[in-house]
Amino acid sequence: MDIQTLTNFFMWCTIINGALLALWTILCMFPLDWVYRTHSKWFPISRETFNVAMYGFLGLFKIFFLVFNAVPYVALLIIG
């Protein structure tokens, strides 16, 4: 596998996961009541626990996005 193929792979991973991160952030900012009502139908969870879980998962996803998608893509751009 050559550097150009890896660069294209990480570029698309970064675009797709960045879009997912943006969508998730928007869903947590604006219609959070709707998201909470939907999840609370499936799982018995308090509003405070839900907020902490969403904030924690959003932060974890952001860290994983940066470490496993954006940083390798930028590194491949630098060495390519």
C-alpha atoms as a PDB file:
ATOM      1  CA  MET A   1       0.000   0.000   0.000  1.00  0.00           C
ATOM      2  CA  ASP A   2       1.470   3.332  -1.015  1.00  0.00           C
ATOM      3  CA  ILE A   3       1.358   6.671   0.763  1.00  0.00           C
ATOM      4  CA  GLN A   4      -1.198   8.149  -1.661  1.00  0.00           C
ATOM      5  CA  THR A   5      -3.691   5.339  -0.925  1.00  0.00           C
ATOM      6  CA  LEU A   6      -3.203   5.763   2.819  1.00  0.00           C
ATOM      7  CA  THR A   7      -3.594   9.528   2.501  1.00  0.00           C
ATOM      8  CA  ASN A   8      -6.868   9.097   0.605  1.00  0.00           C
ATOM      9  CA  PHE A   9      -8.075   6.552   3.160  1.00  0.00           C
ATOM     10  CA  PHE A  10      -7.368   8.835   6.123  1.00  0.00           C
ATOM     11  CA  MET A  11      -8.807  11.825   4.265  1.00  0.00           C
ATOM     12  CA  TRP A  12     -12.157  10.045   3.851  1.00  0.00           C
ATOM     13  CA  CYS A  13     -12.033   8.714   7.421  1.00  0.00           C
ATOM     14  CA  THR A  14     -11.480  12.262   8.653  1.00  0.00           C
ATOM     15  CA  ILE A  15     -14.316  13.653   6.522  1.00  0.00           C
ATOM     16  CA  ILE A  16     -16.827  10.960   7.523  1.00  0.00           C
ATOM     17  CA  ASN A  17     -15.956  10.948  11.222  1.00  0.00           C
ATOM     18  CA  GLY A  18     -15.784  14.750  11.289  1.00  0.00           C
ATOM     19  CA  ALA A  19     -19.300  14.880   9.847  1.00  0.00           C
ATOM     20  CA  LEU A  20     -20.492  12.394  12.481  1.00  0.00           C
ATOM     21  CA  LEU A  21     -18.860  14.481  15.207  1.00  0.00           C
ATOM     22  CA  ALA A  22     -20.498  17.656  13.880  1.00  0.00           C
ATOM     23  CA  LEU A  23     -23.907  15.954  13.644  1.00  0.00           C
ATOM     24  CA  TRP A  24     -23.615  14.556  17.162  1.00  0.00           C
ATOM     25  CA  THR A  25     -22.560  17.966  18.490  1.00  0.00           C
ATOM     26  CA  ILE A  26     -25.532  19.630  16.804  1.00  0.00           C
ATOM     27  CA  LEU A  27     -27.884  16.976  18.201  1.00  0.00           C
ATOM     28  CA  CYS A  28     -26.474  17.577  21.675  1.00  0.00           C
ATOM     29  CA  MET A  29     -26.728  21.369  21.390  1.00  0.00           C
ATOM     30  CA  PHE A  30     -30.175  21.992  19.969  1.00  0.00           C
ATOM     31  CA  PRO A  31     -32.731  19.134  20.204  1.00  0.00           C
ATOM     32  CA  LEU A  32     -31.259  17.598  23.373  1.00  0.00           C
ATOM     33  CA  ASP A  33     -34.705  17.213  24.934  1.00  0.00           C
ATOM     34  CA  TRP A  34     -35.820  15.130  21.970  1.00  0.00           C
ATOM     35  CA  VAL A  35     -32.678  12.969  22.193  1.00  0.00           C
ATOM     36  CA  TYR A  36     -33.203  12.521  25.948  1.00  0.00           C
ATOM     37  CA  ARG A  37     -36.873  11.563  25.524  1.00  0.00           C
ATOM     38  CA  THR A  38     -35.950   9.020  22.861  1.00  0.00           C
ATOM     39  CA  HIS A  39     -33.227   7.421  24.988  1.00  0.00           C
ATOM     40  CA  SER A  40     -35.236   7.507  28.205  1.00  0.00           C
ATOM     41  CA  LYS A  41     -37.906   5.381  26.518  1.00  0.00           C
ATOM     42  CA  TRP A  42     -35.323   2.637  25.999  1.00  0.00           C
ATOM     43  CA  PHE A  43     -33.223   3.019  29.150  1.00  0.00           C
ATOM     44  CA  PRO A  44     -34.227   4.250  32.610  1.00  0.00           C
ATOM     45  CA  ILE A  45     -31.803   7.151  33.023  1.00  0.00           C
ATOM     46  CA  SER A  46     -32.002  10.475  34.817  1.00  0.00           C
ATOM     47  CA  ARG A  47     -31.486  13.735  32.960  1.00  0.00           C
ATOM     48  CA  GLU A  48     -28.269  14.545  34.844  1.00  0.00           C
ATOM     49  CA  THR A  49     -26.782  11.115  34.103  1.00  0.00           C
ATOM     50  CA  PHE A  50     -27.775  11.470  30.466  1.00  0.00           C
ATOM     51  CA  ASN A  51     -26.070  14.870  30.202  1.00  0.00           C
ATOM     52  CA  VAL A  52     -22.869  13.518  31.763  1.00  0.00           C
ATOM     53  CA  ALA A  53     -22.911  10.474  29.480  1.00  0.00           C
ATOM     54  CA  MET A  54     -23.449  12.557  26.332  1.00  0.00           C
ATOM     55  CA  TYR A  55     -20.729  15.021  27.324  1.00  0.00           C
ATOM     56  CA  GLY A  56     -18.313  12.199  28.140  1.00  0.00           C
ATOM     57  CA  PHE A  57     -18.994  10.246  24.953  1.00  0.00           C
ATOM     58  CA  LEU A  58     -18.744  13.389  22.839  1.00  0.00           C
ATOM     59  CA  GLY A  59     -15.369  14.226  24.388  1.00  0.00           C
ATOM     60  CA  LEU A  60     -14.121  10.654  23.960  1.00  0.00           C
ATOM     61  CA  PHE A  61     -15.235  10.567  20.330  1.00  0.00           C
ATOM     62  CA  LYS A  62     -13.491  13.897  19.719  1.00  0.00           C
ATOM     63  CA  ILE A  63     -10.231  12.578  21.177  1.00  0.00           C
ATOM     64  CA  PHE A  64     -10.468   9.374  19.115  1.00  0.00           C
ATOM     65  CA  PHE A  65     -11.286  11.421  16.007  1.00  0.00           C
ATOM     66  CA  LEU A  66      -8.224  13.602  16.460  1.00  0.00           C
ATOM     67  CA  VAL A  67      -5.817  10.806  17.419  1.00  0.00           C
ATOM     68  CA  PHE A  68      -6.898   8.139  14.938  1.00  0.00           C
ATOM     69  CA  ASN A  69      -8.102  10.204  11.957  1.00  0.00           C
ATOM     70  CA  ALA A  70      -6.950  13.806  11.804  1.00  0.00           C
ATOM     71  CA  VAL A  71      -3.391  13.404  13.108  1.00  0.00           C
ATOM     72  CA  PRO A  72      -2.474  10.474  10.811  1.00  0.00           C
ATOM     73  CA  TYR A  73      -3.975  12.336   7.847  1.00  0.00           C
ATOM     74  CA  VAL A  74      -1.927  15.473   8.578  1.00  0.00           C
ATOM     75  CA  ALA A  75       1.209  13.356   9.136  1.00  0.00           C
ATOM     76  CA  LEU A  76       0.710  11.644   5.778  1.00  0.00           C
ATOM     77  CA  LEU A  77       0.221  15.009   4.112  1.00  0.00           C
ATOM     78  CA  ILE A  78       3.493  16.216   5.626  1.00  0.00           C
ATOM     79  CA  ILE A  79       5.555  13.211   4.580  1.00  0.00           C
ATOM     80  CA  GLY A  80       3.803  12.775   1.207  1.00  0.00           C
END
